[in-house]
Amino acid sequence: MQFLLLALFLAGVDKVDNWPQFRGPQSLGVAEDPRLPDKWSATENVAWKTEIPGVGWSSPVVWGDRIYVTSVIDSGTLEKPKKGLYFGGERPASKDEHRWMVYAIDFKSGKIVWEREAHKAVPDAPHHLKNSYASETPVTDGERVYVYFGNVGLFTYDRAGKLLWSQEMKANKTRYGWGTAASPVLYKGRLYIVNDNDEHSYLECLDAKTGKSIWKVDREEGTNWATPFIWENEKRTELVTPGTKKNRSYDLDGKLLWEMTGMSSISIPMPFTKFGLLYIASGYVGDQIRPVFAIKPGAKGDISLKPDETSNEYVAWYQKQAGPYNPSPIIYGDYYYTLLDRGFITCHEARTGKLVYDKQRMDAESSAFTSSPWAYNGKIFLQSEDGDTYVVQAGPEYKLLGKNSLGDMAMATPAISQGSLVIRTASYLYRIAK
């Protein structure tokens, strides 16, 4: 039975060699490769581990023999982040000089091939204690790596570490001073960024080769932390931007296609697509409405649900209280899995939204999850802030298969490439391989 289940997952799926953006190819968080490990520790199945100076919760990205990661080095005394969900994480801007850094690491050896200082200054803006000044994940096309620091600017380097172009940006106020996190996306020679803040929110499209702005549109939004998504569907290609006031979708020239209300008061998870549907979710833990929407292609205008509706012409299905706070959901096989921040997992049918199993708790001792789940070889992987990864059987029945511990705080979502798992913790970058 287990062999049959694994064969079904592997059928028609290519191995993943490159992991160019947050959550990898198509932002799905899924790869298939029998070489990939399902057991590890700080010493077991560790090909190498490399210390990364400074602090950053951006995810690693991989292309060929290069891994790219960002970090910010504080010249003063740094307060360590505290795990878990809590109030009072606001901190004033540091008065110490910081260095915004980019690192290229050799995939095979773990050695730092080059490091570049993108920016050096005293920060103009604060951030939440659990956030960082380097929380946006870079994106790469193999020839260049595009690095976005939300309150500092954009920086583009070639494989050798040469700065090709940069664009400084004004630091805007964010809600409660929590900072920024939305990553850039790259599509057919254009770079797209969303900067939702409490002063002047906007969506901008830039020429990836030159950095020249192609267009820029204002957004009637406050601060959000969700990464936008390029949705290639049967009718068109569009740029989807989650929000707190409204989810919005634009064509590739910045024209608004559709919008909808009904989100949680904080928007963090990244959208993605499967089975011809677009999935958008948000779920601040203090809200009664923590929605998941499955949206059909071709939408136009206002597609908001009425109070008594769970579907309409363009919304295939809706769940009122199934959205996560920080982690992005994942679809694997026929099922839509949600990792809730306090250590529960739920499962729904991806095509219909029907509940398959309700909240299952992995471990009573681990109650904080920020990084997004990933999946391969018939298993779902769920990493806690303690650096423990819980391995759950994929499919309609919940079963905990194991737990892998690194013993270091972890909030970045790992990368998968060439039969290896690349995990970032507070102190190290690991390549995990059999």
Protein backbone atom coordinates (compact mmCIF):
# COMPACT_ATOMS: atom_id res chain seq x y z
CA MET A 1 0.00 0.00 0.00
CA GLN A 2 2.77 2.43 0.92
CA PHE A 3 4.62 1.59 -2.31
CA LEU A 4 1.45 2.24 -4.34
CA LEU A 5 0.86 5.59 -2.60
CA LEU A 6 4.45 6.69 -3.26
CA ALA A 7 4.21 5.59 -6.91
CA LEU A 8 1.10 7.71 -7.37
CA PHE A 9 2.85 10.77 -5.97
CA LEU A 10 5.95 10.23 -8.10
CA ALA A 11 4.10 9.53 -11.36
CA GLY A 12 4.84 12.17 -13.96
CA VAL A 13 6.79 14.41 -11.59
CA ASP A 14 10.28 15.58 -12.49
CA LYS A 15 13.13 15.86 -10.07
CA VAL A 16 13.83 19.40 -8.93
CA ASP A 17 17.31 20.71 -9.72
CA ASN A 18 16.74 24.43 -9.12
CA TRP A 19 14.79 26.20 -6.38
CA PRO A 20 14.76 29.78 -7.72
CA GLN A 21 12.28 31.52 -5.41
CA PHE A 22 10.30 31.28 -2.19
CA ARG A 23 8.64 27.83 -2.12
CA GLY A 24 10.42 26.78 -5.30
CA PRO A 25 9.06 26.09 -8.81
CA GLN A 26 5.51 27.46 -9.16
CA SER A 27 5.63 28.33 -5.44
CA LEU A 28 4.20 24.91 -4.57
CA GLY A 29 6.76 23.72 -2.01
CA VAL A 30 6.80 20.26 -3.63
CA ALA A 31 9.58 18.17 -5.15
CA GLU A 32 10.03 14.48 -5.88
CA ASP A 33 13.31 12.61 -5.70
CA PRO A 34 13.99 9.24 -4.04
CA ARG A 35 17.39 10.57 -2.95
CA LEU A 36 15.77 13.11 -0.62
CA PRO A 37 16.13 12.40 3.11
CA ASP A 38 13.27 11.88 5.53
CA LYS A 39 15.49 11.53 8.61
CA TRP A 40 18.15 13.90 9.93
CA SER A 41 19.58 15.59 13.00
CA ALA A 42 22.34 18.10 13.72
CA THR A 43 24.83 15.30 12.89
CA GLU A 44 22.91 12.65 10.89
CA ASN A 45 22.62 13.05 7.10
CA VAL A 46 24.35 16.44 7.20
CA ALA A 47 26.41 16.96 4.04
CA TRP A 48 27.66 20.25 5.53
CA LYS A 49 26.63 23.15 7.70
CA THR A 50 27.90 26.70 7.27
CA GLU A 51 27.61 29.56 9.71
CA ILE A 52 25.87 32.58 8.20
CA PRO A 53 26.81 35.85 9.94
CA GLY A 54 24.05 38.17 11.07
CA VAL A 55 20.30 37.63 11.18
CA GLY A 56 17.80 36.91 8.41
CA TRP A 57 14.68 34.83 7.95
CA SER A 58 14.76 34.86 4.15
CA SER A 59 14.74 31.43 2.57
CA PRO A 60 17.71 30.08 0.60
CA VAL A 61 17.35 29.83 -3.19
CA VAL A 62 19.34 27.45 -5.38
CA TRP A 63 20.48 27.39 -8.99
CA GLY A 64 23.03 24.81 -10.10
CA ASP A 65 26.10 24.94 -7.88
CA ARG A 66 25.08 28.15 -6.08
CA ILE A 67 22.93 28.79 -3.04
CA TYR A 68 22.02 32.41 -2.32
CA VAL A 69 20.97 33.76 1.04
CA THR A 70 20.67 37.19 2.65
CA SER A 71 21.38 38.48 6.14
CA VAL A 72 21.85 41.70 8.10
CA ILE A 73 24.74 42.17 10.52
CA ASP A 74 24.19 44.42 13.54
CA SER A 75 27.31 46.18 14.84
CA GLY A 76 25.75 46.49 18.30
CA THR A 77 24.22 44.08 20.80
CA LEU A 78 21.38 42.17 19.21
CA GLU A 79 18.30 41.07 21.17
CA LYS A 80 17.53 37.46 20.32
CA PRO A 81 14.05 36.65 18.95
CA LYS A 82 11.64 34.91 21.28
CA LYS A 83 9.75 31.86 20.02
CA GLY A 84 5.98 31.54 20.00
CA LEU A 85 2.94 33.78 19.59
CA TYR A 86 2.84 36.79 21.88
CA PHE A 87 2.05 40.48 22.09
CA GLY A 88 4.71 43.11 22.70
CA GLY A 89 7.19 42.17 19.99
CA GLU A 90 7.47 45.76 18.77
CA ARG A 91 10.94 47.23 19.05
CA PRO A 92 12.22 50.73 18.13
CA ALA A 93 14.69 51.12 15.29
CA SER A 94 18.23 50.27 16.30
CA LYS A 95 20.73 53.11 16.67
CA ASP A 96 23.62 50.86 15.67
CA GLU A 97 25.06 50.58 12.17
CA HIS A 98 23.84 47.56 10.17
CA ARG A 99 25.22 45.83 7.08
CA TRP A 100 22.77 44.30 4.58
CA MET A 101 24.56 41.24 3.15
CA VAL A 102 24.24 38.80 0.24
CA TYR A 103 26.03 35.43 0.29
CA ALA A 104 26.71 32.92 -2.48
CA ILE A 105 27.47 29.44 -1.14
CA ASP A 106 28.90 26.49 -3.04
CA PHE A 107 26.25 23.77 -3.17
CA LYS A 108 28.66 20.84 -2.87
CA SER A 109 31.06 22.10 -0.19
CA GLY A 110 29.09 24.72 1.75
CA LYS A 111 31.91 27.23 1.41
CA ILE A 112 31.03 30.90 0.98
CA VAL A 113 32.05 31.69 -2.61
CA TRP A 114 31.44 35.42 -2.29
CA GLU A 115 29.77 37.90 0.01
CA ARG A 116 28.60 41.40 -0.84
CA GLU A 117 27.57 44.33 1.29
CA ALA A 118 24.48 45.74 -0.40
CA HIS A 119 23.90 48.56 2.07
CA LYS A 120 25.40 49.96 5.26
CA ALA A 121 23.56 52.38 7.54
CA VAL A 122 21.71 52.89 10.78
CA PRO A 123 18.21 51.45 10.11
CA ASP A 124 15.50 53.96 9.22
CA ALA A 125 12.70 51.71 10.46
CA PRO A 126 11.99 49.24 13.29
CA HIS A 127 10.89 45.62 13.00
CA HIS A 128 9.15 43.05 15.15
CA LEU A 129 11.42 41.06 17.45
CA LYS A 130 10.66 37.91 15.43
CA ASN A 131 11.08 39.66 12.09
CA SER A 132 14.42 40.68 10.58
CA TYR A 133 15.80 43.26 8.15
CA ALA A 134 16.40 40.37 5.73
CA SER A 135 13.11 38.46 5.61
CA GLU A 136 12.41 38.77 1.88
CA THR A 137 13.60 35.74 -0.11
CA PRO A 138 15.76 36.50 -3.19
CA VAL A 139 14.84 35.23 -6.65
CA THR A 140 17.24 33.99 -9.32
CA ASP A 141 17.17 33.03 -13.01
CA GLY A 142 20.58 31.36 -12.89
CA GLU A 143 22.38 34.31 -14.48
CA ARG A 144 21.45 36.88 -11.85
CA VAL A 145 20.20 36.97 -8.29
CA TYR A 146 17.67 39.67 -7.39
CA VAL A 147 17.73 40.75 -3.76
CA TYR A 148 15.00 42.85 -2.18
CA PHE A 149 15.24 44.40 1.27
CA GLY A 150 11.80 45.97 1.79
CA ASN A 151 12.83 49.17 3.56
CA VAL A 152 16.21 49.56 1.84
CA GLY A 153 16.00 48.67 -1.86
CA LEU A 154 16.66 46.26 -4.71
CA PHE A 155 20.10 44.88 -5.61
CA THR A 156 20.99 42.65 -8.58
CA TYR A 157 24.19 40.60 -8.86
CA ASP A 158 25.59 38.26 -11.47
CA ARG A 159 26.93 34.78 -10.63
CA ALA A 160 30.36 36.20 -9.90
CA GLY A 161 28.97 38.71 -7.39
CA LYS A 162 29.20 41.80 -9.60
CA LEU A 163 26.56 44.41 -8.80
CA LEU A 164 24.63 44.98 -12.05
CA TRP A 165 22.10 47.50 -10.82
CA SER A 166 20.49 48.73 -7.63
CA GLN A 167 17.58 50.90 -6.63
CA GLU A 168 17.34 52.44 -3.19
CA MET A 169 13.90 52.79 -1.63
CA LYS A 170 12.41 54.97 1.06
CA ALA A 171 11.61 53.30 4.37
CA ASN A 172 7.87 53.52 5.01
CA LYS A 173 6.04 53.00 8.28
CA THR A 174 4.63 49.52 8.77
CA ARG A 175 1.84 48.41 11.07
CA TYR A 176 3.04 48.58 14.68
CA GLY A 177 6.58 48.92 13.30
CA TRP A 178 6.68 45.20 12.50
CA GLY A 179 8.77 45.59 9.33
CA THR A 180 8.56 43.99 5.88
CA ALA A 181 8.62 40.47 4.41
CA ALA A 182 6.99 40.21 0.93
CA SER A 183 9.44 38.65 -1.54
CA PRO A 184 9.93 39.68 -5.19
CA VAL A 185 8.73 37.55 -8.11
CA LEU A 186 10.36 37.19 -11.52
CA TYR A 187 8.53 36.45 -14.77
CA LYS A 188 9.75 36.67 -18.38
CA GLY A 189 12.35 39.36 -17.83
CA ARG A 190 10.27 41.43 -15.43
CA LEU A 191 10.61 41.79 -11.68
CA TYR A 192 7.50 42.47 -9.59
CA ILE A 193 7.43 43.80 -6.05
CA VAL A 194 4.62 44.65 -3.67
CA ASN A 195 5.32 47.14 -0.91
CA ASP A 196 2.24 47.38 1.30
CA ASN A 197 2.80 49.73 4.22
CA ASP A 198 0.97 52.34 6.30
CA GLU A 199 2.11 55.36 4.25
CA HIS A 200 2.11 54.64 0.51
CA SER A 201 1.44 51.11 -0.72
CA TYR A 202 2.29 50.21 -4.30
CA LEU A 203 2.90 47.47 -6.84
CA GLU A 204 5.84 47.98 -9.21
CA CYS A 205 7.11 46.22 -12.32
CA LEU A 206 10.77 46.62 -13.29
CA ASP A 207 12.92 45.53 -16.19
CA ALA A 208 14.98 42.71 -14.67
CA LYS A 209 17.99 43.41 -16.88
CA THR A 210 18.28 47.16 -16.23
CA GLY A 211 16.21 47.89 -13.12
CA LYS A 212 14.22 50.52 -14.99
CA SER A 213 10.65 50.94 -13.75
CA ILE A 214 8.14 49.81 -16.40
CA TRP A 215 5.03 50.73 -14.44
CA LYS A 216 3.91 51.41 -10.89
CA VAL A 217 0.40 51.47 -9.44
CA ASP A 218 -0.80 52.73 -6.07
CA ARG A 219 -2.66 50.35 -3.79
CA GLU A 220 -5.35 51.29 -1.32
CA GLU A 221 -3.89 48.99 1.31
CA GLY A 222 -2.19 49.05 4.67
CA THR A 223 0.71 46.86 5.71
CA ASN A 224 0.78 43.27 4.47
CA TRP A 225 3.50 40.64 4.36
CA ALA A 226 2.25 38.28 1.61
CA THR A 227 4.41 37.56 -1.45
CA PRO A 228 2.57 38.11 -4.79
CA PHE A 229 1.99 35.27 -7.23
CA ILE A 230 2.08 34.95 -11.03
CA TRP A 231 -0.96 32.89 -12.04
CA GLU A 232 -0.72 31.28 -15.48
CA ASN A 233 -4.17 29.89 -16.17
CA GLU A 234 -6.19 28.73 -19.18
CA LYS A 235 -7.49 32.22 -19.90
CA ARG A 236 -4.55 34.57 -19.18
CA THR A 237 -1.56 35.31 -16.97
CA GLU A 238 -2.15 37.58 -14.00
CA LEU A 239 -0.41 38.93 -10.92
CA VAL A 240 -2.23 38.08 -7.70
CA THR A 241 -1.66 40.25 -4.63
CA PRO A 242 -3.21 39.24 -1.29
CA GLY A 243 -4.28 42.08 0.98
CA THR A 244 -6.07 42.88 4.19
CA LYS A 245 -8.68 45.19 2.68
CA LYS A 246 -8.90 43.28 -0.60
CA ASN A 247 -7.29 40.53 -2.61
CA ARG A 248 -6.52 41.98 -6.02
CA SER A 249 -5.33 40.64 -9.35
CA TYR A 250 -3.71 42.66 -12.13
CA ASP A 251 -2.74 41.97 -15.69
CA LEU A 252 0.96 42.20 -16.52
CA ASP A 253 0.60 45.87 -17.43
CA GLY A 254 -0.80 46.82 -14.02
CA LYS A 255 -4.50 46.96 -14.93
CA LEU A 256 -6.84 45.72 -12.18
CA LEU A 257 -8.68 42.57 -13.26
CA TRP A 258 -10.63 41.58 -10.15
CA GLU A 259 -10.79 42.14 -6.41
CA MET A 260 -12.51 40.68 -3.37
CA THR A 261 -12.99 41.40 0.33
CA GLY A 262 -13.20 38.95 3.22
CA MET A 263 -9.62 38.39 4.35
CA SER A 264 -8.19 38.19 7.85
CA SER A 265 -6.83 41.38 9.46
CA ILE A 266 -3.26 40.25 8.70
CA SER A 267 -2.22 38.77 5.35
CA ILE A 268 0.97 36.66 5.20
CA PRO A 269 0.58 33.33 3.29
CA MET A 270 1.51 33.23 -0.40
CA PRO A 271 -1.12 32.21 -3.01
CA PHE A 272 -0.56 29.27 -5.37
CA THR A 273 -2.40 27.30 -8.01
CA LYS A 274 -3.36 23.67 -8.58
CA PHE A 275 -6.12 21.85 -10.48
CA GLY A 276 -6.88 25.04 -12.39
CA LEU A 277 -7.79 26.92 -9.18
CA LEU A 278 -6.09 29.75 -7.31
CA TYR A 279 -5.82 29.32 -3.54
CA ILE A 280 -5.63 32.35 -1.25
CA ALA A 281 -5.66 32.18 2.54
CA SER A 282 -5.08 34.30 5.62
CA GLY A 283 -5.65 33.55 9.28
CA TYR A 284 -4.56 35.89 12.03
CA VAL A 285 -5.01 33.88 15.22
CA GLY A 286 -7.05 36.62 16.92
CA ASP A 287 -9.71 36.77 14.19
CA GLN A 288 -12.98 34.89 13.87
CA ILE A 289 -12.69 34.95 10.07
CA ARG A 290 -9.60 33.06 8.85
CA PRO A 291 -10.55 32.31 5.26
CA VAL A 292 -9.45 30.08 2.43
CA PHE A 293 -10.70 30.87 -1.09
CA ALA A 294 -10.40 28.68 -4.19
CA ILE A 295 -10.86 30.95 -7.23
CA LYS A 296 -11.65 30.05 -10.85
CA PRO A 297 -9.87 31.60 -13.84
CA GLY A 298 -11.39 34.49 -15.78
CA ALA A 299 -12.70 36.52 -12.85
CA LYS A 300 -13.50 40.19 -13.36
CA GLY A 301 -14.71 43.06 -11.21
CA ASP A 302 -15.75 42.54 -7.59
CA ILE A 303 -16.03 38.81 -6.87
CA SER A 304 -16.59 39.12 -3.11
CA LEU A 305 -18.85 36.57 -1.48
CA LYS A 306 -22.08 37.72 0.09
CA PRO A 307 -22.45 37.01 3.84
CA ASP A 308 -24.40 33.76 3.33
CA GLU A 309 -22.39 32.46 0.36
CA THR A 310 -19.65 29.83 0.21
CA SER A 311 -19.26 30.03 -3.58
CA ASN A 312 -20.25 32.16 -6.55
CA GLU A 313 -19.50 32.45 -10.26
CA TYR A 314 -15.75 32.76 -9.66
CA VAL A 315 -15.24 31.37 -6.15
CA ALA A 316 -15.25 27.56 -6.36
CA TRP A 317 -15.23 27.06 -2.61
CA TYR A 318 -14.66 28.91 0.66
CA GLN A 319 -13.77 27.90 4.20
CA LYS A 320 -14.41 30.54 6.85
CA GLN A 321 -11.98 29.33 9.53
CA ALA A 322 -9.34 27.21 7.81
CA GLY A 323 -6.62 29.77 7.03
CA PRO A 324 -3.14 29.81 8.62
CA TYR A 325 -1.44 32.85 10.15
CA ASN A 326 2.21 32.59 9.02
CA PRO A 327 2.81 29.36 7.05
CA SER A 328 1.57 29.10 3.48
CA PRO A 329 -0.68 26.05 2.86
CA ILE A 330 0.35 23.23 0.57
CA ILE A 331 -1.36 20.87 -1.87
CA TYR A 332 0.11 17.41 -2.26
CA GLY A 333 -1.69 14.72 -4.18
CA ASP A 334 -5.41 15.54 -4.02
CA TYR A 335 -5.28 17.21 -0.63
CA TYR A 336 -4.94 20.72 0.71
CA TYR A 337 -2.99 20.84 3.99
CA THR A 338 -2.91 23.74 6.42
CA LEU A 339 -0.25 24.13 9.09
CA LEU A 340 -1.56 26.26 11.93
CA ASP A 341 0.92 28.32 13.93
CA ARG A 342 0.24 26.54 17.20
CA GLY A 343 1.23 23.15 15.87
CA PHE A 344 -1.90 21.67 14.30
CA ILE A 345 -2.42 20.34 10.78
CA THR A 346 -5.72 20.07 8.90
CA CYS A 347 -6.58 18.43 5.60
CA HIS A 348 -9.24 19.30 2.99
CA GLU A 349 -10.05 18.03 -0.48
CA ALA A 350 -8.25 20.46 -2.79
CA ARG A 351 -10.90 20.48 -5.50
CA THR A 352 -13.97 20.86 -3.26
CA GLY A 353 -12.80 22.23 0.10
CA LYS A 354 -14.48 19.34 1.92
CA LEU A 355 -12.92 18.57 5.30
CA VAL A 356 -10.92 15.33 5.31
CA TYR A 357 -9.55 15.57 8.83
CA ASP A 358 -9.70 18.36 11.39
CA LYS A 359 -6.97 19.68 13.68
CA GLN A 360 -4.29 17.13 14.52
CA ARG A 361 -1.50 18.16 16.85
CA MET A 362 2.00 16.91 16.10
CA ASP A 363 3.52 17.42 19.54
CA ALA A 364 2.16 19.08 22.70
CA GLU A 365 5.64 20.40 23.48
CA SER A 366 6.02 22.33 20.23
CA SER A 367 3.55 25.17 19.78
CA ALA A 368 5.09 27.65 17.34
CA PHE A 369 5.36 27.23 13.56
CA THR A 370 6.32 29.98 11.09
CA SER A 371 8.02 28.34 8.11
CA SER A 372 5.82 26.87 5.37
CA PRO A 373 5.43 23.10 4.93
CA TRP A 374 7.03 21.18 2.08
CA ALA A 375 6.42 17.75 0.61
CA TYR A 376 8.10 14.91 -1.25
CA ASN A 377 8.07 11.13 -1.55
CA GLY A 378 4.62 10.70 -0.01
CA LYS A 379 5.36 12.79 3.10
CA ILE A 380 4.56 16.25 4.46
CA PHE A 381 7.27 18.08 6.43
CA LEU A 382 6.41 20.66 9.10
CA GLN A 383 9.21 22.65 10.75
CA SER A 384 8.72 24.30 14.13
CA GLU A 385 10.49 27.37 15.48
CA ASP A 386 12.41 24.98 17.76
CA GLY A 387 14.09 23.54 14.67
CA ASP A 388 12.11 20.29 14.88
CA THR A 389 10.68 18.93 11.63
CA TYR A 390 7.65 16.67 11.97
CA VAL A 391 7.14 14.11 9.22
CA VAL A 392 3.50 13.33 8.45
CA GLN A 393 2.11 10.71 6.09
CA ALA A 394 0.43 12.26 3.07
CA GLY A 395 -3.12 11.21 2.28
CA PRO A 396 -6.56 11.16 3.88
CA GLU A 397 -5.46 9.65 7.19
CA TYR A 398 -3.25 11.53 9.63
CA LYS A 399 -0.20 9.66 10.83
CA LEU A 400 2.95 11.09 12.41
CA LEU A 401 5.95 9.22 11.02
CA GLY A 402 8.85 10.92 12.76
CA LYS A 403 10.57 14.00 14.13
CA ASN A 404 13.94 15.43 13.07
CA SER A 405 15.66 17.93 15.37
CA LEU A 406 18.42 20.44 14.65
CA GLY A 407 18.37 22.14 18.07
CA ASP A 408 18.39 25.70 16.70
CA MET A 409 15.59 28.21 16.12
CA ALA A 410 14.16 28.05 12.59
CA MET A 411 11.63 30.28 10.82
CA ALA A 412 12.86 30.24 7.21
CA THR A 413 11.21 27.87 4.72
CA PRO A 414 13.77 25.35 3.34
CA ALA A 415 14.78 24.82 -0.28
CA ILE A 416 14.85 21.47 -2.11
CA SER A 417 17.38 20.78 -4.84
CA GLN A 418 19.40 17.98 -6.41
CA GLY A 419 18.43 15.36 -3.87
CA SER A 420 19.16 17.65 -0.93
CA LEU A 421 17.26 19.75 1.58
CA VAL A 422 18.73 23.20 2.36
CA ILE A 423 17.61 24.39 5.79
CA ARG A 424 18.33 27.76 7.36
CA THR A 425 18.33 28.12 11.14
CA ALA A 426 19.19 31.11 13.30
CA SER A 427 22.88 30.21 13.19
CA TYR A 428 23.58 27.91 10.24
CA LEU A 429 22.75 26.89 6.71
CA TYR A 430 22.51 23.10 6.40
CA ARG A 431 22.55 20.84 3.37
CA ILE A 432 20.76 17.66 4.40
CA ALA A 433 21.32 14.61 2.21
CA LYS A 434 21.40 10.85 2.56
